[in-house]
Amino acid sequence: MQSNPFTAKTPWIIIGQFLALAIVSILIGVFFGVVITLAFKHMRFLTANATMETFLMAAMGLLTYFTTIGIYILGVEMSGIISLLVYAIICGHYNWYNLSPQGKSTTGVSYEFLGKGCEAAVYSYVGLALYTAIPGYWSFELIGWMTAIIVVGRFIGVLFTFYAFRICFRKESIRLN
């Protein structure tokens, strides 16, 4: 699209590609979430081992992701992140009740550990990349002004919201401490 000139059809093409990406990615996530949920519900031998339950859920999540990024519609690669998010929501809402008690504990701890580890890795990478990308371009005056603007904006936002709700609902006051 970048080499094509902007015409009246361009916004409609972008909207169509966005809708195709969103709908197909969501449908793939729903499909794999329902498949794994029904598998755990009707094939009770899968819940005999907590490690196997955790592995199967992770493997199906990877299959969801890789299936989604391998699909091209209208020249657009589908979003594996959207499908994985929908898959996780389906599993968390419906498949949780099909797991054994040990499987619930194991999957909960395992995925919480993986999530915290990945979050720490991303923040570490972003922090290190920031220091290497802009080594000496710090403006402490800008940092001070931005901090002051954020604090004042937050203060005004909280007071405005409180008093707007006070007008509509209750008659309580707010103390500054």
C-alpha atoms as a PDB file:
ATOM      1  CA  MET A   1       0.000   0.000   0.000  1.00  0.00           C
ATOM      2  CA  GLN A   2       2.900   2.394   0.561  1.00  0.00           C
ATOM      3  CA  SER A   3       3.783   2.574  -3.127  1.00  0.00           C
ATOM      4  CA  ASN A   4       0.162   3.193  -4.156  1.00  0.00           C
ATOM      5  CA  PRO A   5      -1.181   6.747  -4.164  1.00  0.00           C
ATOM      6  CA  PHE A   6      -3.789   7.756  -1.613  1.00  0.00           C
ATOM      7  CA  THR A   7      -7.254   7.694  -3.189  1.00  0.00           C
ATOM      8  CA  ALA A   8     -10.831   7.748  -1.945  1.00  0.00           C
ATOM      9  CA  LYS A   9     -10.757   3.928  -1.716  1.00  0.00           C
ATOM     10  CA  THR A  10      -7.693   3.813   0.537  1.00  0.00           C
ATOM     11  CA  PRO A  11      -9.523   4.308   3.885  1.00  0.00           C
ATOM     12  CA  TRP A  12     -11.981   1.557   2.937  1.00  0.00           C
ATOM     13  CA  ILE A  13      -9.126  -0.775   2.039  1.00  0.00           C
ATOM     14  CA  ILE A  14      -7.491  -0.077   5.406  1.00  0.00           C
ATOM     15  CA  ILE A  15     -10.763  -0.629   7.281  1.00  0.00           C
ATOM     16  CA  GLY A  16     -11.367  -3.880   5.370  1.00  0.00           C
ATOM     17  CA  GLN A  17      -7.883  -5.157   6.157  1.00  0.00           C
ATOM     18  CA  PHE A  18      -8.278  -4.223   9.804  1.00  0.00           C
ATOM     19  CA  LEU A  19     -11.631  -5.986  10.076  1.00  0.00           C
ATOM     20  CA  ALA A  20     -10.286  -9.061   8.297  1.00  0.00           C
ATOM     21  CA  LEU A  21      -7.310  -9.164  10.654  1.00  0.00           C
ATOM     22  CA  ALA A  22      -9.445  -8.735  13.769  1.00  0.00           C
ATOM     23  CA  ILE A  23     -12.261 -11.120  12.844  1.00  0.00           C
ATOM     24  CA  VAL A  24     -10.074 -13.941  11.521  1.00  0.00           C
ATOM     25  CA  SER A  25      -7.642 -13.689  14.450  1.00  0.00           C
ATOM     26  CA  ILE A  26     -10.479 -13.751  16.976  1.00  0.00           C
ATOM     27  CA  LEU A  27     -12.176 -16.696  15.249  1.00  0.00           C
ATOM     28  CA  ILE A  28      -8.954 -18.716  15.243  1.00  0.00           C
ATOM     29  CA  GLY A  29      -8.440 -18.009  18.950  1.00  0.00           C
ATOM     30  CA  VAL A  30     -12.020 -19.027  19.705  1.00  0.00           C
ATOM     31  CA  PHE A  31     -11.665 -22.194  17.630  1.00  0.00           C
ATOM     32  CA  PHE A  32      -8.531 -23.405  19.401  1.00  0.00           C
ATOM     33  CA  GLY A  33      -9.882 -22.396  22.810  1.00  0.00           C
ATOM     34  CA  VAL A  34     -13.074 -24.370  22.252  1.00  0.00           C
ATOM     35  CA  VAL A  35     -11.117 -27.370  20.912  1.00  0.00           C
ATOM     36  CA  ILE A  36      -8.855 -27.605  23.969  1.00  0.00           C
ATOM     37  CA  THR A  37     -11.774 -26.999  26.331  1.00  0.00           C
ATOM     38  CA  LEU A  38     -13.854 -29.768  24.759  1.00  0.00           C
ATOM     39  CA  ALA A  39     -10.829 -32.070  24.726  1.00  0.00           C
ATOM     40  CA  PHE A  40     -10.306 -31.633  28.454  1.00  0.00           C
ATOM     41  CA  LYS A  41     -14.021 -31.963  29.140  1.00  0.00           C
ATOM     42  CA  HIS A  42     -14.650 -35.154  27.182  1.00  0.00           C
ATOM     43  CA  MET A  43     -11.241 -36.857  27.387  1.00  0.00           C
ATOM     44  CA  ARG A  44     -10.782 -37.117  31.129  1.00  0.00           C
ATOM     45  CA  PHE A  45      -7.565 -39.120  30.748  1.00  0.00           C
ATOM     46  CA  LEU A  46      -5.880 -35.838  29.824  1.00  0.00           C
ATOM     47  CA  THR A  47      -6.347 -34.626  33.397  1.00  0.00           C
ATOM     48  CA  ALA A  48      -4.465 -37.536  34.984  1.00  0.00           C
ATOM     49  CA  ASN A  49      -1.181 -35.613  35.122  1.00  0.00           C
ATOM     50  CA  ALA A  50      -0.864 -31.939  36.058  1.00  0.00           C
ATOM     51  CA  THR A  51       2.312 -31.557  34.011  1.00  0.00           C
ATOM     52  CA  MET A  52       0.551 -32.939  30.937  1.00  0.00           C
ATOM     53  CA  GLU A  53      -2.345 -30.505  31.420  1.00  0.00           C
ATOM     54  CA  THR A  54       0.031 -27.564  31.588  1.00  0.00           C
ATOM     55  CA  PHE A  55       1.988 -28.784  28.572  1.00  0.00           C
ATOM     56  CA  LEU A  56      -1.113 -29.372  26.451  1.00  0.00           C
ATOM     57  CA  MET A  57      -2.479 -25.925  27.175  1.00  0.00           C
ATOM     58  CA  ALA A  58       0.873 -24.309  26.316  1.00  0.00           C
ATOM     59  CA  ALA A  59       1.285 -26.420  23.171  1.00  0.00           C
ATOM     60  CA  MET A  60      -2.194 -25.528  21.951  1.00  0.00           C
ATOM     61  CA  GLY A  61      -1.444 -21.859  22.647  1.00  0.00           C
ATOM     62  CA  LEU A  62       1.683 -22.086  20.487  1.00  0.00           C
ATOM     63  CA  LEU A  63      -0.289 -23.880  17.785  1.00  0.00           C
ATOM     64  CA  THR A  64      -2.857 -21.084  17.913  1.00  0.00           C
ATOM     65  CA  TYR A  65      -0.172 -18.435  17.527  1.00  0.00           C
ATOM     66  CA  PHE A  66       1.721 -20.118  14.702  1.00  0.00           C
ATOM     67  CA  THR A  67      -1.441 -21.043  12.812  1.00  0.00           C
ATOM     68  CA  THR A  68      -2.642 -17.468  12.941  1.00  0.00           C
ATOM     69  CA  ILE A  69       0.584 -15.830  11.768  1.00  0.00           C
ATOM     70  CA  GLY A  70       0.744 -18.290   8.867  1.00  0.00           C
ATOM     71  CA  ILE A  71      -2.557 -17.105   7.386  1.00  0.00           C
ATOM     72  CA  TYR A  72      -2.668 -14.286   4.839  1.00  0.00           C
ATOM     73  CA  ILE A  73      -5.947 -12.701   3.756  1.00  0.00           C
ATOM     74  CA  LEU A  74      -6.087  -9.663   1.463  1.00  0.00           C
ATOM     75  CA  GLY A  75      -2.309  -9.457   1.692  1.00  0.00           C
ATOM     76  CA  VAL A  76      -2.465  -8.972   5.473  1.00  0.00           C
ATOM     77  CA  GLU A  77      -0.773 -11.235   7.996  1.00  0.00           C
ATOM     78  CA  MET A  78      -3.166 -12.131  10.802  1.00  0.00           C
ATOM     79  CA  SER A  79      -2.349 -11.247  14.416  1.00  0.00           C
ATOM     80  CA  GLY A  80      -1.060 -14.134  16.489  1.00  0.00           C
ATOM     81  CA  ILE A  81      -1.182 -11.978  19.616  1.00  0.00           C
ATOM     82  CA  ILE A  82      -4.919 -11.351  19.247  1.00  0.00           C
ATOM     83  CA  SER A  83      -5.662 -15.029  18.675  1.00  0.00           C
ATOM     84  CA  LEU A  84      -3.449 -16.039  21.619  1.00  0.00           C
ATOM     85  CA  LEU A  85      -5.197 -13.517  23.857  1.00  0.00           C
ATOM     86  CA  VAL A  86      -8.630 -14.821  22.842  1.00  0.00           C
ATOM     87  CA  TYR A  87      -7.418 -18.419  23.328  1.00  0.00           C
ATOM     88  CA  ALA A  88      -6.201 -17.560  26.840  1.00  0.00           C
ATOM     89  CA  ILE A  89      -9.492 -15.868  27.722  1.00  0.00           C
ATOM     90  CA  ILE A  90     -11.481 -18.894  26.531  1.00  0.00           C
ATOM     91  CA  CYS A  91      -9.231 -21.288  28.444  1.00  0.00           C
ATOM     92  CA  GLY A  92      -9.271 -19.147  31.562  1.00  0.00           C
ATOM     93  CA  HIS A  93     -13.036 -18.825  31.521  1.00  0.00           C
ATOM     94  CA  TYR A  94     -14.144 -22.285  30.377  1.00  0.00           C
ATOM     95  CA  ASN A  95     -11.256 -24.752  30.551  1.00  0.00           C
ATOM     96  CA  TRP A  96     -10.370 -23.912  34.151  1.00  0.00           C
ATOM     97  CA  TYR A  97     -13.294 -26.015  35.390  1.00  0.00           C
ATOM     98  CA  ASN A  98     -12.169 -29.039  33.365  1.00  0.00           C
ATOM     99  CA  LEU A  99      -8.722 -29.238  34.972  1.00  0.00           C
ATOM    100  CA  SER A 100      -7.847 -31.405  37.950  1.00  0.00           C
ATOM    101  CA  PRO A 101      -7.171 -29.625  41.268  1.00  0.00           C
ATOM    102  CA  GLN A 102      -3.447 -30.242  40.823  1.00  0.00           C
ATOM    103  CA  GLY A 103      -3.676 -29.016  37.222  1.00  0.00           C
ATOM    104  CA  LYS A 104      -5.348 -25.790  38.343  1.00  0.00           C
ATOM    105  CA  SER A 105      -2.550 -25.143  40.796  1.00  0.00           C
ATOM    106  CA  THR A 106       0.221 -26.114  38.387  1.00  0.00           C
ATOM    107  CA  THR A 107      -1.060 -24.147  35.415  1.00  0.00           C
ATOM    108  CA  GLY A 108      -1.785 -21.107  37.563  1.00  0.00           C
ATOM    109  CA  VAL A 109       1.714 -21.046  39.093  1.00  0.00           C
ATOM    110  CA  SER A 110       3.466 -21.916  35.823  1.00  0.00           C
ATOM    111  CA  TYR A 111       1.765 -19.267  33.732  1.00  0.00           C
ATOM    112  CA  GLU A 112       2.077 -16.628  36.432  1.00  0.00           C
ATOM    113  CA  PHE A 113       5.814 -17.362  36.625  1.00  0.00           C
ATOM    114  CA  LEU A 114       6.188 -17.200  32.840  1.00  0.00           C
ATOM    115  CA  GLY A 115       4.186 -13.977  32.673  1.00  0.00           C
ATOM    116  CA  LYS A 116       6.240 -12.245  35.370  1.00  0.00           C
ATOM    117  CA  GLY A 117       9.481 -13.456  33.775  1.00  0.00           C
ATOM    118  CA  CYS A 118       8.486 -12.200  30.328  1.00  0.00           C
ATOM    119  CA  GLU A 119       7.338  -8.882  31.761  1.00  0.00           C
ATOM    120  CA  ALA A 120      10.675  -8.437  33.543  1.00  0.00           C
ATOM    121  CA  ALA A 121      12.567  -9.339  30.358  1.00  0.00           C
ATOM    122  CA  VAL A 122      10.619  -6.827  28.270  1.00  0.00           C
ATOM    123  CA  TYR A 123      11.088  -4.002  30.781  1.00  0.00           C
ATOM    124  CA  SER A 124      14.791  -4.821  31.118  1.00  0.00           C
ATOM    125  CA  TYR A 125      15.249  -4.836  27.371  1.00  0.00           C
ATOM    126  CA  VAL A 126      13.400  -1.553  26.913  1.00  0.00           C
ATOM    127  CA  GLY A 127      15.415   0.051  29.700  1.00  0.00           C
ATOM    128  CA  LEU A 128      18.738  -1.117  28.305  1.00  0.00           C
ATOM    129  CA  ALA A 129      17.775  -0.169  24.769  1.00  0.00           C
ATOM    130  CA  LEU A 130      16.813   3.314  25.937  1.00  0.00           C
ATOM    131  CA  TYR A 131      20.232   3.933  27.473  1.00  0.00           C
ATOM    132  CA  THR A 132      22.081   2.657  24.432  1.00  0.00           C
ATOM    133  CA  ALA A 133      19.881   4.439  21.870  1.00  0.00           C
ATOM    134  CA  ILE A 134      20.095   7.951  23.303  1.00  0.00           C
ATOM    135  CA  PRO A 135      23.297   8.100  25.360  1.00  0.00           C
ATOM    136  CA  GLY A 136      23.567  11.795  26.189  1.00  0.00           C
ATOM    137  CA  TYR A 137      20.379  13.546  25.216  1.00  0.00           C
ATOM    138  CA  TRP A 138      18.769  13.997  28.615  1.00  0.00           C
ATOM    139  CA  SER A 139      17.020  17.273  29.357  1.00  0.00           C
ATOM    140  CA  PHE A 140      16.470  17.589  33.083  1.00  0.00           C
ATOM    141  CA  GLU A 141      14.448  20.748  32.496  1.00  0.00           C
ATOM    142  CA  LEU A 142      12.046  18.775  30.270  1.00  0.00           C
ATOM    143  CA  ILE A 143      11.872  15.957  32.832  1.00  0.00           C
ATOM    144  CA  GLY A 144      11.021  18.488  35.561  1.00  0.00           C
ATOM    145  CA  TRP A 145       8.328  20.198  33.489  1.00  0.00           C
ATOM    146  CA  MET A 146       6.769  16.874  32.453  1.00  0.00           C
ATOM    147  CA  THR A 147       6.714  15.669  36.068  1.00  0.00           C
ATOM    148  CA  ALA A 148       5.048  18.896  37.196  1.00  0.00           C
ATOM    149  CA  ILE A 149       2.475  18.696  34.389  1.00  0.00           C
ATOM    150  CA  ILE A 150       1.685  15.064  35.252  1.00  0.00           C
ATOM    151  CA  VAL A 151       1.265  15.804  38.977  1.00  0.00           C
ATOM    152  CA  VAL A 152      -0.929  18.860  38.373  1.00  0.00           C
ATOM    153  CA  GLY A 153      -2.961  17.044  35.709  1.00  0.00           C
ATOM    154  CA  ARG A 154      -3.474  14.086  38.018  1.00  0.00           C
ATOM    155  CA  PHE A 155      -4.549  16.368  40.852  1.00  0.00           C
ATOM    156  CA  ILE A 156      -7.033  18.212  38.634  1.00  0.00           C
ATOM    157  CA  GLY A 157      -8.320  14.951  37.135  1.00  0.00           C
ATOM    158  CA  VAL A 158      -8.959  13.369  40.531  1.00  0.00           C
ATOM    159  CA  LEU A 159     -10.687  16.439  41.938  1.00  0.00           C
ATOM    160  CA  PHE A 160     -12.799  16.945  38.799  1.00  0.00           C
ATOM    161  CA  THR A 161     -13.891  13.303  38.784  1.00  0.00           C
ATOM    162  CA  PHE A 162     -14.672  13.327  42.504  1.00  0.00           C
ATOM    163  CA  TYR A 163     -16.758  16.473  42.380  1.00  0.00           C
ATOM    164  CA  ALA A 164     -18.535  15.366  39.207  1.00  0.00           C
ATOM    165  CA  PHE A 165     -19.599  12.179  40.982  1.00  0.00           C
ATOM    166  CA  ARG A 166     -20.446  14.167  44.115  1.00  0.00           C
ATOM    167  CA  ILE A 167     -22.856  16.302  42.113  1.00  0.00           C
ATOM    168  CA  CYS A 168     -24.513  13.196  40.688  1.00  0.00           C
ATOM    169  CA  PHE A 169     -24.522  10.804  43.649  1.00  0.00           C
ATOM    170  CA  ARG A 170     -23.361  11.448  47.224  1.00  0.00           C
ATOM    171  CA  LYS A 171     -22.675  14.411  49.411  1.00  0.00           C
ATOM    172  CA  GLU A 172     -19.243  13.615  50.852  1.00  0.00           C
ATOM    173  CA  SER A 173     -16.167  15.776  50.852  1.00  0.00           C
ATOM    174  CA  ILE A 174     -12.571  15.006  50.010  1.00  0.00           C
ATOM    175  CA  ARG A 175      -9.606  15.877  52.175  1.00  0.00           C
ATOM    176  CA  LEU A 176      -6.321  16.874  50.594  1.00  0.00           C
ATOM    177  CA  ASN A 177      -4.282  14.464  52.757  1.00  0.00           C
END
